[in-house]
Amino acid sequence: MNFTNYYRTLGLPDFSPMEMAIQSFEYNYKALLEMDDTVALEALKLANNILGDPEIKPGYDLALQDHLNLIRSSLNYYAILNIPDFTEVQDEIYDGRFYEVMRFQPPEDHVEALAYVAVAYEVLSDLEKKEKYDAELRIRVGYH
């Protein structure tokens, strides 16, 4: 599931208003110019082009909602926590991840998102549950 979340590129909660996206772009652009980070600048410009355009943003928001629904319906716990599939527990999963993921959820979705994140964290942080889940995921997505 390759989908770039441009809200996260700008450091914003999903589905933030266009004005916030533009303000975040302007603020971050100045900081990145000073650091001379051309890769991050290009990513920031692309995010601004998508989220700062009143004709493009609504379509992007629909695509993002579809993507989030797909993640939740497929119950890919790795995608819910925004980490690569089959990541080792000690590598990526820690208490801070829980709050990092929640930070990007719109306030009206906090209760639902919290439930998904809590289940994902519970399964992937328990070695026995993680092994069982990984085996099921390999079958479901065709990993061998």
N, C-alpha and C. Protein backbone atom coordinates (compact mmCIF):
# COMPACT_ATOMS: atom_id res chain seq x y z
N MET A 1 0.85 -1.18 0.00
CA MET A 1 0.00 0.00 0.00
C MET A 1 0.88 1.24 0.00
N ASN A 2 1.21 1.71 -1.14
CA ASN A 2 2.02 2.91 -1.24
C ASN A 2 1.11 4.12 -1.41
N PHE A 3 1.06 4.95 -0.42
CA PHE A 3 0.25 6.16 -0.47
C PHE A 3 0.99 7.21 0.35
N THR A 4 1.24 8.35 -0.24
CA THR A 4 1.93 9.41 0.49
C THR A 4 0.90 10.28 1.19
N ASN A 5 1.04 10.40 2.49
CA ASN A 5 0.14 11.25 3.27
C ASN A 5 0.79 12.63 3.36
N TYR A 6 0.32 13.54 2.52
CA TYR A 6 0.89 14.88 2.45
C TYR A 6 0.61 15.71 3.70
N TYR A 7 -0.42 15.36 4.44
CA TYR A 7 -0.64 16.06 5.71
C TYR A 7 0.52 15.79 6.66
N ARG A 8 0.98 14.56 6.68
CA ARG A 8 2.11 14.21 7.55
C ARG A 8 3.39 14.88 7.07
N THR A 9 3.52 15.03 5.76
CA THR A 9 4.69 15.73 5.22
C THR A 9 4.74 17.15 5.78
N LEU A 10 3.57 17.76 5.92
CA LEU A 10 3.49 19.12 6.45
C LEU A 10 3.37 19.15 7.98
N GLY A 11 3.33 17.98 8.61
CA GLY A 11 3.23 17.93 10.07
C GLY A 11 1.86 18.28 10.59
N LEU A 12 0.83 17.95 9.83
CA LEU A 12 -0.54 18.31 10.18
C LEU A 12 -1.40 17.07 10.41
N PRO A 13 -2.49 17.21 11.17
CA PRO A 13 -3.46 16.11 11.27
C PRO A 13 -4.13 15.89 9.91
N ASP A 14 -4.54 14.67 9.65
CA ASP A 14 -5.24 14.36 8.41
C ASP A 14 -6.47 15.26 8.26
N PHE A 15 -6.72 15.67 7.03
CA PHE A 15 -7.88 16.45 6.64
C PHE A 15 -7.90 17.86 7.24
N SER A 16 -6.73 18.40 7.53
CA SER A 16 -6.64 19.78 8.02
C SER A 16 -7.13 20.74 6.94
N PRO A 17 -7.63 21.90 7.33
CA PRO A 17 -8.08 22.89 6.35
C PRO A 17 -6.92 23.37 5.46
N MET A 18 -7.27 23.81 4.28
CA MET A 18 -6.28 24.28 3.31
C MET A 18 -5.43 25.41 3.89
N GLU A 19 -6.02 26.29 4.65
CA GLU A 19 -5.28 27.42 5.22
C GLU A 19 -4.16 26.94 6.13
N MET A 20 -4.43 25.88 6.89
CA MET A 20 -3.39 25.33 7.78
C MET A 20 -2.27 24.71 6.96
N ALA A 21 -2.62 24.07 5.86
CA ALA A 21 -1.60 23.46 4.99
C ALA A 21 -0.68 24.54 4.42
N ILE A 22 -1.27 25.62 3.99
CA ILE A 22 -0.47 26.72 3.41
C ILE A 22 0.42 27.34 4.47
N GLN A 23 -0.12 27.56 5.66
CA GLN A 23 0.68 28.14 6.75
C GLN A 23 1.83 27.21 7.14
N SER A 24 1.54 25.92 7.21
CA SER A 24 2.58 24.96 7.57
C SER A 24 3.67 24.92 6.50
N PHE A 25 3.26 24.98 5.24
CA PHE A 25 4.24 24.99 4.15
C PHE A 25 5.16 26.20 4.29
N GLU A 26 4.58 27.37 4.47
CA GLU A 26 5.38 28.59 4.56
C GLU A 26 6.36 28.53 5.73
N TYR A 27 5.89 28.04 6.86
CA TYR A 27 6.75 27.95 8.05
C TYR A 27 7.89 26.96 7.81
N ASN A 28 7.55 25.76 7.34
CA ASN A 28 8.55 24.71 7.14
C ASN A 28 9.49 25.02 5.98
N TYR A 29 8.99 25.70 4.98
CA TYR A 29 9.81 26.03 3.82
C TYR A 29 10.99 26.91 4.24
N LYS A 30 10.70 27.91 5.05
CA LYS A 30 11.77 28.80 5.52
C LYS A 30 12.83 28.03 6.31
N ALA A 31 12.37 27.13 7.18
CA ALA A 31 13.31 26.36 8.00
C ALA A 31 14.16 25.43 7.13
N LEU A 32 13.55 24.80 6.14
CA LEU A 32 14.29 23.87 5.29
C LEU A 32 15.24 24.60 4.34
N LEU A 33 14.88 25.82 3.94
CA LEU A 33 15.78 26.62 3.12
C LEU A 33 17.08 26.90 3.86
N GLU A 34 16.95 27.23 5.13
CA GLU A 34 18.13 27.50 5.95
C GLU A 34 19.00 26.26 6.11
N MET A 35 18.37 25.08 6.15
CA MET A 35 19.12 23.83 6.33
C MET A 35 19.63 23.30 4.99
N ASP A 36 19.19 23.88 3.89
CA ASP A 36 19.59 23.48 2.54
C ASP A 36 19.29 21.99 2.29
N ASP A 37 18.09 21.57 2.66
CA ASP A 37 17.65 20.19 2.49
C ASP A 37 16.76 20.11 1.25
N THR A 38 17.37 19.85 0.10
CA THR A 38 16.62 19.88 -1.16
C THR A 38 15.59 18.76 -1.28
N VAL A 39 15.88 17.59 -0.74
CA VAL A 39 14.92 16.47 -0.82
C VAL A 39 13.66 16.81 -0.02
N ALA A 40 13.84 17.29 1.19
CA ALA A 40 12.70 17.66 2.02
C ALA A 40 11.95 18.84 1.42
N LEU A 41 12.66 19.78 0.81
CA LEU A 41 12.01 20.92 0.16
C LEU A 41 11.11 20.46 -0.98
N GLU A 42 11.58 19.51 -1.77
CA GLU A 42 10.77 19.00 -2.88
C GLU A 42 9.52 18.30 -2.37
N ALA A 43 9.66 17.51 -1.30
CA ALA A 43 8.51 16.84 -0.72
C ALA A 43 7.51 17.86 -0.17
N LEU A 44 8.04 18.88 0.45
CA LEU A 44 7.19 19.95 1.00
C LEU A 44 6.45 20.69 -0.11
N LYS A 45 7.14 20.99 -1.19
CA LYS A 45 6.50 21.68 -2.33
C LYS A 45 5.37 20.83 -2.92
N LEU A 46 5.63 19.54 -3.08
CA LEU A 46 4.61 18.65 -3.62
C LEU A 46 3.38 18.61 -2.70
N ALA A 47 3.62 18.49 -1.39
CA ALA A 47 2.51 18.49 -0.44
C ALA A 47 1.72 19.79 -0.53
N ASN A 48 2.40 20.90 -0.66
CA ASN A 48 1.72 22.19 -0.79
C ASN A 48 0.94 22.28 -2.09
N ASN A 49 1.50 21.75 -3.17
CA ASN A 49 0.80 21.78 -4.46
C ASN A 49 -0.51 20.99 -4.40
N ILE A 50 -0.51 19.91 -3.66
CA ILE A 50 -1.71 19.08 -3.53
C ILE A 50 -2.71 19.68 -2.55
N LEU A 51 -2.24 20.00 -1.34
CA LEU A 51 -3.14 20.43 -0.28
C LEU A 51 -3.46 21.92 -0.32
N GLY A 52 -2.69 22.68 -1.09
CA GLY A 52 -2.94 24.12 -1.19
C GLY A 52 -3.76 24.50 -2.42
N ASP A 53 -4.18 23.51 -3.20
CA ASP A 53 -4.94 23.76 -4.41
C ASP A 53 -6.40 23.38 -4.17
N PRO A 54 -7.32 24.35 -4.24
CA PRO A 54 -8.73 24.06 -3.94
C PRO A 54 -9.38 23.09 -4.93
N GLU A 55 -8.79 22.89 -6.09
CA GLU A 55 -9.35 21.94 -7.05
C GLU A 55 -8.81 20.52 -6.83
N ILE A 56 -7.61 20.40 -6.29
CA ILE A 56 -6.98 19.09 -6.12
C ILE A 56 -7.25 18.51 -4.73
N LYS A 57 -7.25 19.36 -3.70
CA LYS A 57 -7.36 18.89 -2.32
C LYS A 57 -8.60 18.01 -2.06
N PRO A 58 -9.80 18.37 -2.54
CA PRO A 58 -10.96 17.51 -2.25
C PRO A 58 -10.78 16.08 -2.80
N GLY A 59 -10.23 15.95 -3.99
CA GLY A 59 -9.99 14.62 -4.55
C GLY A 59 -8.94 13.86 -3.77
N TYR A 60 -7.91 14.58 -3.33
CA TYR A 60 -6.88 13.95 -2.51
C TYR A 60 -7.47 13.48 -1.18
N ASP A 61 -8.31 14.31 -0.56
CA ASP A 61 -8.93 13.93 0.71
C ASP A 61 -9.78 12.66 0.55
N LEU A 62 -10.50 12.54 -0.57
CA LEU A 62 -11.27 11.32 -0.81
C LEU A 62 -10.35 10.11 -0.95
N ALA A 63 -9.24 10.28 -1.68
CA ALA A 63 -8.28 9.19 -1.85
C ALA A 63 -7.66 8.81 -0.51
N LEU A 64 -7.36 9.80 0.32
CA LEU A 64 -6.80 9.53 1.65
C LEU A 64 -7.81 8.78 2.51
N GLN A 65 -9.06 9.19 2.46
CA GLN A 65 -10.09 8.50 3.24
C GLN A 65 -10.22 7.05 2.78
N ASP A 66 -10.20 6.83 1.46
CA ASP A 66 -10.26 5.47 0.92
C ASP A 66 -9.06 4.65 1.40
N HIS A 67 -7.89 5.28 1.39
CA HIS A 67 -6.68 4.60 1.84
C HIS A 67 -6.77 4.22 3.32
N LEU A 68 -7.23 5.14 4.15
CA LEU A 68 -7.37 4.86 5.58
C LEU A 68 -8.41 3.77 5.83
N ASN A 69 -9.50 3.80 5.06
CA ASN A 69 -10.52 2.76 5.20
C ASN A 69 -9.96 1.40 4.80
N LEU A 70 -9.16 1.37 3.74
CA LEU A 70 -8.54 0.12 3.30
C LEU A 70 -7.61 -0.43 4.38
N ILE A 71 -6.81 0.43 4.96
CA ILE A 71 -5.91 -0.01 6.03
C ILE A 71 -6.71 -0.60 7.18
N ARG A 72 -7.74 0.11 7.57
CA ARG A 72 -8.54 -0.35 8.71
C ARG A 72 -9.31 -1.62 8.38
N SER A 73 -9.84 -1.72 7.17
CA SER A 73 -10.63 -2.90 6.82
C SER A 73 -9.74 -4.13 6.66
N SER A 74 -8.53 -3.92 6.19
CA SER A 74 -7.63 -5.07 6.03
C SER A 74 -6.93 -5.42 7.34
N LEU A 75 -7.09 -4.57 8.33
CA LEU A 75 -6.47 -4.74 9.63
C LEU A 75 -4.98 -5.06 9.52
N ASN A 76 -4.31 -4.29 8.70
CA ASN A 76 -2.85 -4.41 8.64
C ASN A 76 -2.30 -3.59 9.79
N TYR A 77 -1.96 -4.27 10.86
CA TYR A 77 -1.51 -3.57 12.06
C TYR A 77 -0.24 -2.77 11.82
N TYR A 78 0.58 -3.23 10.92
CA TYR A 78 1.80 -2.48 10.60
C TYR A 78 1.44 -1.14 9.94
N ALA A 79 0.49 -1.19 9.01
CA ALA A 79 0.07 0.04 8.33
C ALA A 79 -0.62 0.99 9.31
N ILE A 80 -1.39 0.44 10.22
CA ILE A 80 -2.06 1.28 11.21
C ILE A 80 -1.03 2.03 12.05
N LEU A 81 0.07 1.35 12.40
CA LEU A 81 1.13 1.99 13.19
C LEU A 81 2.14 2.72 12.32
N ASN A 82 1.93 2.66 11.00
CA ASN A 82 2.80 3.35 10.06
C ASN A 82 4.26 2.88 10.16
N ILE A 83 4.42 1.56 10.18
CA ILE A 83 5.76 0.95 10.19
C ILE A 83 5.79 -0.13 9.11
N PRO A 84 6.97 -0.50 8.62
CA PRO A 84 7.06 -1.53 7.58
C PRO A 84 6.54 -2.89 8.07
N ASP A 85 5.94 -3.65 7.14
CA ASP A 85 5.45 -4.98 7.48
C ASP A 85 6.58 -5.84 8.05
N PHE A 86 6.22 -6.67 9.02
CA PHE A 86 7.10 -7.67 9.63
C PHE A 86 8.27 -7.05 10.40
N THR A 87 8.11 -5.81 10.83
CA THR A 87 9.13 -5.16 11.64
C THR A 87 9.27 -5.90 12.96
N GLU A 88 10.51 -6.05 13.40
CA GLU A 88 10.75 -6.68 14.69
C GLU A 88 10.30 -5.75 15.81
N VAL A 89 9.76 -6.33 16.85
CA VAL A 89 9.22 -5.56 17.96
C VAL A 89 10.23 -4.58 18.51
N GLN A 90 11.44 -5.04 18.77
CA GLN A 90 12.44 -4.17 19.39
C GLN A 90 12.90 -3.07 18.44
N ASP A 91 12.68 -3.21 17.14
CA ASP A 91 13.14 -2.20 16.18
C ASP A 91 12.26 -0.95 16.17
N GLU A 92 10.97 -1.12 16.16
CA GLU A 92 10.08 0.01 15.89
C GLU A 92 8.97 0.24 16.90
N ILE A 93 8.52 -0.80 17.55
CA ILE A 93 7.31 -0.65 18.37
C ILE A 93 7.70 -0.26 19.78
N TYR A 94 7.24 0.87 20.18
CA TYR A 94 7.52 1.38 21.52
C TYR A 94 6.38 2.30 21.89
N ASP A 95 6.27 2.64 23.15
CA ASP A 95 5.13 3.43 23.61
C ASP A 95 4.97 4.74 22.86
N GLY A 96 6.06 5.38 22.47
CA GLY A 96 5.98 6.65 21.76
C GLY A 96 5.28 6.54 20.42
N ARG A 97 5.34 5.39 19.77
CA ARG A 97 4.69 5.19 18.47
C ARG A 97 3.19 5.37 18.62
N PHE A 98 2.65 4.89 19.70
CA PHE A 98 1.23 4.99 19.99
C PHE A 98 0.77 6.44 19.91
N TYR A 99 1.49 7.32 20.56
CA TYR A 99 1.11 8.73 20.59
C TYR A 99 1.43 9.43 19.27
N GLU A 100 2.49 9.00 18.61
CA GLU A 100 2.86 9.59 17.32
C GLU A 100 1.76 9.34 16.29
N VAL A 101 1.24 8.13 16.24
CA VAL A 101 0.18 7.81 15.30
C VAL A 101 -1.08 8.60 15.63
N MET A 102 -1.42 8.69 16.89
CA MET A 102 -2.64 9.41 17.30
C MET A 102 -2.55 10.90 16.97
N ARG A 103 -1.36 11.44 16.97
CA ARG A 103 -1.17 12.87 16.71
C ARG A 103 -1.69 13.27 15.34
N PHE A 104 -1.69 12.34 14.39
CA PHE A 104 -2.08 12.66 13.03
C PHE A 104 -3.55 12.38 12.74
N GLN A 105 -4.31 11.97 13.73
CA GLN A 105 -5.72 11.68 13.53
C GLN A 105 -6.55 12.93 13.80
N PRO A 106 -7.56 13.19 12.97
CA PRO A 106 -8.44 14.33 13.28
C PRO A 106 -9.18 14.06 14.59
N PRO A 107 -9.42 15.09 15.39
CA PRO A 107 -10.02 14.90 16.72
C PRO A 107 -11.30 14.08 16.71
N GLU A 108 -12.13 14.25 15.69
CA GLU A 108 -13.40 13.52 15.68
C GLU A 108 -13.20 12.01 15.47
N ASP A 109 -12.01 11.59 15.01
CA ASP A 109 -11.72 10.18 14.80
C ASP A 109 -10.86 9.58 15.90
N HIS A 110 -10.58 10.33 16.96
CA HIS A 110 -9.65 9.85 17.99
C HIS A 110 -10.12 8.56 18.66
N VAL A 111 -11.38 8.44 18.97
CA VAL A 111 -11.86 7.25 19.67
C VAL A 111 -11.69 6.02 18.79
N GLU A 112 -12.11 6.11 17.53
CA GLU A 112 -11.99 4.98 16.61
C GLU A 112 -10.52 4.66 16.34
N ALA A 113 -9.73 5.69 16.06
CA ALA A 113 -8.31 5.48 15.76
C ALA A 113 -7.59 4.90 16.97
N LEU A 114 -7.93 5.36 18.15
CA LEU A 114 -7.32 4.85 19.36
C LEU A 114 -7.58 3.35 19.52
N ALA A 115 -8.78 2.94 19.18
CA ALA A 115 -9.11 1.51 19.27
C ALA A 115 -8.25 0.70 18.30
N TYR A 116 -8.12 1.16 17.06
CA TYR A 116 -7.30 0.45 16.07
C TYR A 116 -5.83 0.42 16.51
N VAL A 117 -5.32 1.54 16.95
CA VAL A 117 -3.92 1.62 17.36
C VAL A 117 -3.68 0.73 18.58
N ALA A 118 -4.60 0.72 19.52
CA ALA A 118 -4.44 -0.09 20.73
C ALA A 118 -4.38 -1.57 20.38
N VAL A 119 -5.26 -2.03 19.48
CA VAL A 119 -5.25 -3.44 19.09
C VAL A 119 -3.96 -3.77 18.34
N ALA A 120 -3.56 -2.91 17.41
CA ALA A 120 -2.34 -3.13 16.64
C ALA A 120 -1.14 -3.21 17.58
N TYR A 121 -1.06 -2.30 18.51
CA TYR A 121 0.05 -2.28 19.45
C TYR A 121 0.05 -3.53 20.32
N GLU A 122 -1.14 -3.93 20.78
CA GLU A 122 -1.24 -5.12 21.63
C GLU A 122 -0.76 -6.37 20.89
N VAL A 123 -1.18 -6.55 19.66
CA VAL A 123 -0.80 -7.73 18.89
C VAL A 123 0.69 -7.73 18.55
N LEU A 124 1.19 -6.60 18.06
CA LEU A 124 2.58 -6.57 17.59
C LEU A 124 3.61 -6.49 18.71
N SER A 125 3.17 -6.15 19.90
CA SER A 125 4.13 -6.09 21.01
C SER A 125 4.19 -7.40 21.79
N ASP A 126 3.27 -8.32 21.50
CA ASP A 126 3.27 -9.64 22.14
C ASP A 126 3.85 -10.63 21.13
N LEU A 127 5.01 -11.21 21.44
CA LEU A 127 5.74 -12.05 20.50
C LEU A 127 4.90 -13.19 19.95
N GLU A 128 4.16 -13.86 20.80
CA GLU A 128 3.35 -14.99 20.35
C GLU A 128 2.24 -14.53 19.40
N LYS A 129 1.53 -13.46 19.77
CA LYS A 129 0.46 -12.93 18.90
C LYS A 129 1.03 -12.41 17.59
N LYS A 130 2.20 -11.78 17.67
CA LYS A 130 2.84 -11.22 16.47
C LYS A 130 3.21 -12.33 15.48
N GLU A 131 3.75 -13.42 15.98
CA GLU A 131 4.13 -14.53 15.10
C GLU A 131 2.90 -15.08 14.37
N LYS A 132 1.81 -15.25 15.10
CA LYS A 132 0.57 -15.75 14.51
C LYS A 132 0.04 -14.74 13.47
N TYR A 133 0.04 -13.46 13.85
CA TYR A 133 -0.45 -12.42 12.94
C TYR A 133 0.42 -12.35 11.68
N ASP A 134 1.74 -12.41 11.85
CA ASP A 134 2.65 -12.36 10.70
C ASP A 134 2.40 -13.51 9.73
N ALA A 135 2.16 -14.71 10.28
CA ALA A 135 1.88 -15.87 9.43
C ALA A 135 0.60 -15.65 8.63
N GLU A 136 -0.44 -15.13 9.27
CA GLU A 136 -1.70 -14.84 8.58
C GLU A 136 -1.51 -13.74 7.53
N LEU A 137 -0.74 -12.73 7.87
CA LEU A 137 -0.51 -11.63 6.94
C LEU A 137 0.27 -12.10 5.71
N ARG A 138 1.24 -12.94 5.91
CA ARG A 138 2.02 -13.48 4.77
C ARG A 138 1.10 -14.21 3.79
N ILE A 139 0.17 -14.98 4.31
CA ILE A 139 -0.78 -15.70 3.46
C ILE A 139 -1.70 -14.71 2.75
N ARG A 140 -2.21 -13.73 3.50
CA ARG A 140 -3.18 -12.78 2.95
C ARG A 140 -2.59 -11.92 1.85
N VAL A 141 -1.34 -11.48 2.02
CA VAL A 141 -0.74 -10.58 1.03
C VAL A 141 0.19 -11.29 0.07
N GLY A 142 0.33 -12.60 0.23
CA GLY A 142 1.11 -13.37 -0.72
C GLY A 142 2.61 -13.37 -0.51
N TYR A 143 3.07 -13.06 0.71
CA TYR A 143 4.48 -13.18 1.02
C TYR A 143 4.81 -14.64 1.26
N HIS A 144 5.99 -15.05 0.86
CA HIS A 144 6.39 -16.45 1.08
C HIS A 144 7.57 -16.52 1.99
